[in-house]
PDB file of all heavy atoms in Angstrom:
ATOM      1  N   ILE A   1      19.075   5.722  17.291  1.00  0.00           N
ATOM      2  CA  ILE A   1      20.029   4.681  17.698  1.00  0.00           C
ATOM      3  C   ILE A   1      19.425   3.305  17.508  1.00  0.00           C
ATOM      4  O   ILE A   1      20.089   2.380  17.037  1.00  0.00           O
ATOM      5  CB  ILE A   1      20.453   4.898  19.169  1.00  0.00           C
ATOM      6  CG1 ILE A   1      21.233   6.202  19.316  1.00  0.00           C
ATOM      7  CG2 ILE A   1      21.289   3.714  19.670  1.00  0.00           C
ATOM      8  CD1 ILE A   1      21.565   6.553  20.754  1.00  0.00           C
ATOM      9  N   ASP A   2      18.155   3.164  17.872  1.00  0.00           N
ATOM     10  CA  ASP A   2      17.486   1.865  17.810  1.00  0.00           C
ATOM     11  C   ASP A   2      17.105   1.465  16.395  1.00  0.00           C
ATOM     12  O   ASP A   2      16.872   0.283  16.126  1.00  0.00           O
ATOM     13  CB  ASP A   2      16.229   1.888  18.675  1.00  0.00           C
ATOM     14  CG  ASP A   2      16.273   0.832  19.760  1.00  0.00           C
ATOM     15  OD1 ASP A   2      17.015  -0.149  19.594  1.00  0.00           O
ATOM     16  OD2 ASP A   2      15.561   0.981  20.776  1.00  0.00           O
ATOM     17  N   GLY A   3      17.050   2.442  15.494  1.00  0.00           N
ATOM     18  CA  GLY A   3      16.583   2.148  14.148  1.00  0.00           C
ATOM     19  C   GLY A   3      17.625   2.369  13.060  1.00  0.00           C
ATOM     20  O   GLY A   3      18.434   1.476  12.781  1.00  0.00           O
ATOM     21  N   PRO A   4      17.646   3.556  12.438  1.00  0.00           N
ATOM     22  CA  PRO A   4      18.533   3.789  11.283  1.00  0.00           C
ATOM     23  C   PRO A   4      20.004   3.527  11.557  1.00  0.00           C
ATOM     24  O   PRO A   4      20.690   2.937  10.718  1.00  0.00           O
ATOM     25  CB  PRO A   4      18.296   5.277  10.970  1.00  0.00           C
ATOM     26  CG  PRO A   4      16.933   5.561  11.494  1.00  0.00           C
ATOM     27  CD  PRO A   4      16.774   4.711  12.715  1.00  0.00           C
ATOM     28  N   LEU A   5      20.509   3.955  12.705  1.00  0.00           N
ATOM     29  CA  LEU A   5      21.931   3.763  12.981  1.00  0.00           C
ATOM     30  C   LEU A   5      22.270   2.288  13.144  1.00  0.00           C
ATOM     31  O   LEU A   5      23.347   1.852  12.742  1.00  0.00           O
ATOM     32  CB  LEU A   5      22.336   4.539  14.239  1.00  0.00           C
ATOM     33  CG  LEU A   5      23.837   4.547  14.551  1.00  0.00           C
ATOM     34  CD1 LEU A   5      24.635   5.107  13.387  1.00  0.00           C
ATOM     35  CD2 LEU A   5      24.129   5.338  15.829  1.00  0.00           C
ATOM     36  N   TRP A   6      21.364   1.516  13.726  1.00  0.00           N
ATOM     37  CA  TRP A   6      21.584   0.073  13.860  1.00  0.00           C
ATOM     38  C   TRP A   6      21.688  -0.592  12.487  1.00  0.00           C
ATOM     39  O   TRP A   6      22.596  -1.374  12.232  1.00  0.00           O
ATOM     40  CB  TRP A   6      20.471  -0.569  14.685  1.00  0.00           C
ATOM     41  CG  TRP A   6      20.373  -2.052  14.481  1.00  0.00           C
ATOM     42  CD1 TRP A   6      19.386  -2.737  13.842  1.00  0.00           C
ATOM     43  CD2 TRP A   6      21.330  -3.044  14.886  1.00  0.00           C
ATOM     44  NE1 TRP A   6      19.649  -4.085  13.819  1.00  0.00           N
ATOM     45  CE2 TRP A   6      20.840  -4.305  14.460  1.00  0.00           C
ATOM     46  CE3 TRP A   6      22.547  -2.980  15.568  1.00  0.00           C
ATOM     47  CZ2 TRP A   6      21.528  -5.487  14.692  1.00  0.00           C
ATOM     48  CZ3 TRP A   6      23.237  -4.169  15.799  1.00  0.00           C
ATOM     49  CH2 TRP A   6      22.727  -5.404  15.364  1.00  0.00           C
ATOM     50  N   TYR A   7      20.765  -0.260  11.590  1.00  0.00           N
ATOM     51  CA  TYR A   7      20.778  -0.860  10.254  1.00  0.00           C
ATOM     52  C   TYR A   7      21.998  -0.394   9.466  1.00  0.00           C
ATOM     53  O   TYR A   7      22.624  -1.191   8.741  1.00  0.00           O
ATOM     54  CB  TYR A   7      19.480  -0.524   9.511  1.00  0.00           C
ATOM     55  CG  TYR A   7      18.270  -1.170  10.123  1.00  0.00           C
ATOM     56  CD1 TYR A   7      17.309  -0.406  10.775  1.00  0.00           C
ATOM     57  CD2 TYR A   7      18.087  -2.549  10.076  1.00  0.00           C
ATOM     58  CE1 TYR A   7      16.200  -1.000  11.361  1.00  0.00           C
ATOM     59  CE2 TYR A   7      16.979  -3.153  10.652  1.00  0.00           C
ATOM     60  CZ  TYR A   7      16.039  -2.373  11.297  1.00  0.00           C
ATOM     61  OH  TYR A   7      14.944  -2.966  11.875  1.00  0.00           O
ATOM     62  N   PHE A   8      22.336   0.887   9.586  1.00  0.00           N
ATOM     63  CA  PHE A   8      23.506   1.406   8.875  1.00  0.00           C
ATOM     64  C   PHE A   8      24.785   0.715   9.345  1.00  0.00           C
ATOM     65  O   PHE A   8      25.611   0.275   8.526  1.00  0.00           O
ATOM     66  CB  PHE A   8      23.619   2.916   9.084  1.00  0.00           C
ATOM     67  CG  PHE A   8      24.870   3.513   8.517  1.00  0.00           C
ATOM     68  CD1 PHE A   8      25.018   3.709   7.153  1.00  0.00           C
ATOM     69  CD2 PHE A   8      25.928   3.877   9.351  1.00  0.00           C
ATOM     70  CE1 PHE A   8      26.188   4.256   6.627  1.00  0.00           C
ATOM     71  CE2 PHE A   8      27.092   4.424   8.841  1.00  0.00           C
ATOM     72  CZ  PHE A   8      27.222   4.607   7.471  1.00  0.00           C
ATOM     73  N   SER A   9      24.973   0.616  10.648  1.00  0.00           N
ATOM     74  CA  SER A   9      26.188  -0.007  11.182  1.00  0.00           C
ATOM     75  C   SER A   9      26.254  -1.485  10.817  1.00  0.00           C
ATOM     76  O   SER A   9      27.335  -2.008  10.524  1.00  0.00           O
ATOM     77  CB  SER A   9      26.250   0.164  12.703  1.00  0.00           C
ATOM     78  OG  SER A   9      25.139  -0.456  13.338  1.00  0.00           O
ATOM     79  N   SER A  10      25.113  -2.153  10.799  1.00  0.00           N
ATOM     80  CA  SER A  10      25.090  -3.574  10.426  1.00  0.00           C
ATOM     81  C   SER A  10      25.490  -3.766   8.963  1.00  0.00           C
ATOM     82  O   SER A  10      26.248  -4.683   8.625  1.00  0.00           O
ATOM     83  CB  SER A  10      23.694  -4.165  10.665  1.00  0.00           C
ATOM     84  OG  SER A  10      23.324  -4.067  12.020  1.00  0.00           O
ATOM     85  N   ILE A  11      24.994  -2.876   8.097  1.00  0.00           N
ATOM     86  CA  ILE A  11      25.336  -2.960   6.671  1.00  0.00           C
ATOM     87  C   ILE A  11      26.816  -2.685   6.457  1.00  0.00           C
ATOM     88  O   ILE A  11      27.487  -3.392   5.695  1.00  0.00           O
ATOM     89  CB  ILE A  11      24.460  -1.971   5.863  1.00  0.00           C
ATOM     90  CG1 ILE A  11      22.997  -2.437   5.868  1.00  0.00           C
ATOM     91  CG2 ILE A  11      24.974  -1.857   4.432  1.00  0.00           C
ATOM     92  CD1 ILE A  11      22.038  -1.424   5.262  1.00  0.00           C
ATOM     93  N   VAL A  12      27.341  -1.656   7.127  1.00  0.00           N
ATOM     94  CA  VAL A  12      28.772  -1.350   7.013  1.00  0.00           C
ATOM     95  C   VAL A  12      29.604  -2.525   7.486  1.00  0.00           C
ATOM     96  O   VAL A  12      30.601  -2.903   6.849  1.00  0.00           O
ATOM     97  CB  VAL A  12      29.126  -0.086   7.830  1.00  0.00           C
ATOM     98  CG1 VAL A  12      30.647   0.104   7.876  1.00  0.00           C
ATOM     99  CG2 VAL A  12      28.471   1.138   7.226  1.00  0.00           C
ATOM    100  N   PHE A  13      29.201  -3.137   8.583  1.00  0.00           N
ATOM    101  CA  PHE A  13      29.929  -4.286   9.131  1.00  0.00           C
ATOM    102  C   PHE A  13      29.946  -5.443   8.134  1.00  0.00           C
ATOM    103  O   PHE A  13      31.019  -5.987   7.809  1.00  0.00           O
ATOM    104  CB  PHE A  13      29.285  -4.729  10.441  1.00  0.00           C
ATOM    105  CG  PHE A  13      29.859  -6.001  10.997  1.00  0.00           C
ATOM    106  CD1 PHE A  13      31.068  -6.001  11.678  1.00  0.00           C
ATOM    107  CD2 PHE A  13      29.192  -7.205  10.845  1.00  0.00           C
ATOM    108  CE1 PHE A  13      31.611  -7.179  12.189  1.00  0.00           C
ATOM    109  CE2 PHE A  13      29.710  -8.387  11.356  1.00  0.00           C
ATOM    110  CZ  PHE A  13      30.920  -8.375  12.028  1.00  0.00           C
ATOM    111  N   VAL A  14      28.786  -5.822   7.633  1.00  0.00           N
ATOM    112  CA  VAL A  14      28.696  -6.975   6.723  1.00  0.00           C
ATOM    113  C   VAL A  14      29.449  -6.705   5.426  1.00  0.00           C
ATOM    114  O   VAL A  14      30.268  -7.526   4.985  1.00  0.00           O
ATOM    115  CB  VAL A  14      27.224  -7.324   6.438  1.00  0.00           C
ATOM    116  CG1 VAL A  14      27.132  -8.397   5.351  1.00  0.00           C
ATOM    117  CG2 VAL A  14      26.534  -7.814   7.710  1.00  0.00           C
ATOM    118  N   LEU A  15      29.184  -5.556   4.804  1.00  0.00           N
ATOM    119  CA  LEU A  15      29.845  -5.246   3.532  1.00  0.00           C
ATOM    120  C   LEU A  15      31.347  -5.086   3.718  1.00  0.00           C
ATOM    121  O   LEU A  15      32.142  -5.519   2.866  1.00  0.00           O
ATOM    122  CB  LEU A  15      29.249  -3.970   2.929  1.00  0.00           C
ATOM    123  CG  LEU A  15      27.799  -4.048   2.464  1.00  0.00           C
ATOM    124  CD1 LEU A  15      27.361  -2.716   1.866  1.00  0.00           C
ATOM    125  CD2 LEU A  15      27.624  -5.178   1.437  1.00  0.00           C
ATOM    126  N   GLY A  16      31.749  -4.475   4.835  1.00  0.00           N
ATOM    127  CA  GLY A  16      33.179  -4.290   5.091  1.00  0.00           C
ATOM    128  C   GLY A  16      33.901  -5.600   5.289  1.00  0.00           C
ATOM    129  O   GLY A  16      34.992  -5.813   4.745  1.00  0.00           O
ATOM    130  N   VAL A  17      33.306  -6.501   6.053  1.00  0.00           N
ATOM    131  CA  VAL A  17      33.920  -7.814   6.280  1.00  0.00           C
ATOM    132  C   VAL A  17      33.996  -8.604   4.981  1.00  0.00           C
ATOM    133  O   VAL A  17      35.033  -9.211   4.661  1.00  0.00           O
ATOM    134  CB  VAL A  17      33.127  -8.599   7.352  1.00  0.00           C
ATOM    135  CG1 VAL A  17      33.580 -10.057   7.397  1.00  0.00           C
ATOM    136  CG2 VAL A  17      33.294  -7.956   8.722  1.00  0.00           C
ATOM    137  N   VAL A  18      32.904  -8.595   4.216  1.00  0.00           N
ATOM    138  CA  VAL A  18      32.898  -9.317   2.940  1.00  0.00           C
ATOM    139  C   VAL A  18      33.954  -8.755   1.998  1.00  0.00           C
ATOM    140  O   VAL A  18      34.680  -9.506   1.327  1.00  0.00           O
ATOM    141  CB  VAL A  18      31.501  -9.244   2.290  1.00  0.00           C
ATOM    142  CG1 VAL A  18      31.541  -9.786   0.862  1.00  0.00           C
ATOM    143  CG2 VAL A  18      30.493 -10.039   3.109  1.00  0.00           C
ATOM    144  N   TYR A  19      34.062  -7.428   1.935  1.00  0.00           N
ATOM    145  CA  TYR A  19      35.060  -6.792   1.062  1.00  0.00           C
ATOM    146  C   TYR A  19      36.472  -7.168   1.476  1.00  0.00           C
ATOM    147  O   TYR A  19      37.317  -7.489   0.625  1.00  0.00           O
ATOM    148  CB  TYR A  19      34.892  -5.278   1.081  1.00  0.00           C
ATOM    149  CG  TYR A  19      35.983  -4.544   0.348  1.00  0.00           C
ATOM    150  CD1 TYR A  19      35.997  -4.506  -1.048  1.00  0.00           C
ATOM    151  CD2 TYR A  19      37.024  -3.919   1.038  1.00  0.00           C
ATOM    152  CE1 TYR A  19      37.011  -3.856  -1.732  1.00  0.00           C
ATOM    153  CE2 TYR A  19      38.031  -3.265   0.363  1.00  0.00           C
ATOM    154  CZ  TYR A  19      38.027  -3.233  -1.019  1.00  0.00           C
ATOM    155  OH  TYR A  19      39.047  -2.596  -1.687  1.00  0.00           O
ATOM    156  N   ARG A  20      36.763  -7.138   2.763  1.00  0.00           N
ATOM    157  CA  ARG A  20      38.108  -7.475   3.238  1.00  0.00           C
ATOM    158  C   ARG A  20      38.457  -8.926   2.917  1.00  0.00           C
ATOM    159  O   ARG A  20      39.572  -9.239   2.487  1.00  0.00           O
ATOM    160  CB  ARG A  20      38.210  -7.229   4.745  1.00  0.00           C
ATOM    161  CG  ARG A  20      38.185  -5.765   5.166  1.00  0.00           C
ATOM    162  CD  ARG A  20      39.469  -5.033   4.801  1.00  0.00           C
ATOM    163  NE  ARG A  20      40.628  -5.647   5.412  1.00  0.00           N
ATOM    164  CZ  ARG A  20      41.067  -5.389   6.643  1.00  0.00           C
ATOM    165  NH1 ARG A  20      40.395  -4.520   7.420  1.00  0.00           N
ATOM    166  NH2 ARG A  20      42.156  -5.961   7.118  1.00  0.00           N
ATOM    167  N   ILE A  21      37.517  -9.819   3.127  1.00  0.00           N
ATOM    168  CA  ILE A  21      37.756 -11.236   2.836  1.00  0.00           C
ATOM    169  C   ILE A  21      37.913 -11.449   1.337  1.00  0.00           C
ATOM    170  O   ILE A  21      38.795 -12.192   0.886  1.00  0.00           O
ATOM    171  CB  ILE A  21      36.610 -12.093   3.400  1.00  0.00           C
ATOM    172  CG1 ILE A  21      36.622 -12.056   4.931  1.00  0.00           C
ATOM    173  CG2 ILE A  21      36.725 -13.540   2.909  1.00  0.00           C
ATOM    174  CD1 ILE A  21      35.473 -12.800   5.564  1.00  0.00           C
ATOM    175  N   PHE A  22      37.058 -10.782   0.539  1.00  0.00           N
ATOM    176  CA  PHE A  22      37.150 -10.893  -0.921  1.00  0.00           C
ATOM    177  C   PHE A  22      38.499 -10.370  -1.414  1.00  0.00           C
ATOM    178  O   PHE A  22      39.102 -10.949  -2.328  1.00  0.00           O
ATOM    179  CB  PHE A  22      36.009 -10.113  -1.573  1.00  0.00           C
ATOM    180  CG  PHE A  22      36.051 -10.117  -3.072  1.00  0.00           C
ATOM    181  CD1 PHE A  22      35.678 -11.244  -3.792  1.00  0.00           C
ATOM    182  CD2 PHE A  22      36.470  -8.987  -3.766  1.00  0.00           C
ATOM    183  CE1 PHE A  22      35.724 -11.250  -5.178  1.00  0.00           C
ATOM    184  CE2 PHE A  22      36.520  -8.979  -5.143  1.00  0.00           C
ATOM    185  CZ  PHE A  22      36.147 -10.114  -5.858  1.00  0.00           C
ATOM    186  N   SER A  23      38.992  -9.286  -0.808  1.00  0.00           N
ATOM    187  CA  SER A  23      40.289  -8.727  -1.206  1.00  0.00           C
ATOM    188  C   SER A  23      41.416  -9.714  -0.939  1.00  0.00           C
ATOM    189  O   SER A  23      42.355  -9.834  -1.744  1.00  0.00           O
ATOM    190  CB  SER A  23      40.549  -7.417  -0.447  1.00  0.00           C
ATOM    191  OG  SER A  23      39.571  -6.457  -0.737  1.00  0.00           O
ATOM    192  N   ILE A  24      41.317 -10.429   0.174  1.00  0.00           N
ATOM    193  CA  ILE A  24      42.343 -11.419   0.491  1.00  0.00           C
ATOM    194  C   ILE A  24      42.313 -12.558  -0.521  1.00  0.00           C
ATOM    195  O   ILE A  24      43.344 -12.974  -1.039  1.00  0.00           O
ATOM    196  CB  ILE A  24      42.124 -11.970   1.916  1.00  0.00           C
ATOM    197  CG1 ILE A  24      42.388 -10.868   2.947  1.00  0.00           C
ATOM    198  CG2 ILE A  24      43.043 -13.165   2.180  1.00  0.00           C
ATOM    199  CD1 ILE A  24      42.042 -11.277   4.365  1.00  0.00           C
ATOM    200  N   MET A  25      41.119 -13.047  -0.815  1.00  0.00           N
ATOM    201  CA  MET A  25      40.995 -14.184  -1.736  1.00  0.00           C
ATOM    202  C   MET A  25      41.351 -13.786  -3.170  1.00  0.00           C
ATOM    203  O   MET A  25      41.862 -14.603  -3.941  1.00  0.00           O
ATOM    204  CB  MET A  25      39.575 -14.737  -1.675  1.00  0.00           C
ATOM    205  CG  MET A  25      39.182 -15.257  -0.299  1.00  0.00           C
ATOM    206  SD  MET A  25      37.518 -15.943  -0.235  1.00  0.00           S
ATOM    207  CE  MET A  25      37.720 -17.403  -1.254  1.00  0.00           C
ATOM    208  N   LYS A  26      41.096 -12.530  -3.512  1.00  0.00           N
ATOM    209  CA  LYS A  26      41.367 -12.065  -4.863  1.00  0.00           C
ATOM    210  C   LYS A  26      42.851 -11.823  -5.111  1.00  0.00           C
ATOM    211  O   LYS A  26      43.308 -11.817  -6.265  1.00  0.00           O
ATOM    212  CB  LYS A  26      40.581 -10.774  -5.130  1.00  0.00           C
ATOM    213  CG  LYS A  26      40.652 -10.294  -6.565  1.00  0.00           C
ATOM    214  CD  LYS A  26      39.871  -9.002  -6.739  1.00  0.00           C
ATOM    215  CE  LYS A  26      39.998  -8.486  -8.175  1.00  0.00           C
ATOM    216  NZ  LYS A  26      39.264  -7.196  -8.361  1.00  0.00           N
ATOM    217  N   SER A  27      43.608 -11.620  -4.039  1.00  0.00           N
ATOM    218  CA  SER A  27      45.028 -11.293  -4.196  1.00  0.00           C
ATOM    219  C   SER A  27      45.793 -12.389  -4.911  1.00  0.00           C
ATOM    220  O   SER A  27      46.776 -12.132  -5.597  1.00  0.00           O
ATOM    221  CB  SER A  27      45.663 -11.025  -2.830  1.00  0.00           C
ATOM    222  OG  SER A  27      45.574 -12.162  -2.004  1.00  0.00           O
TER     223      SER A  27
END
């Protein structure tokens, strides 16, 4: 929980937010 899952969830959060914003701007 303190290590791999924290880094994994942080990466999913950042990439997911960037992708959603990019999709809006690309539309």
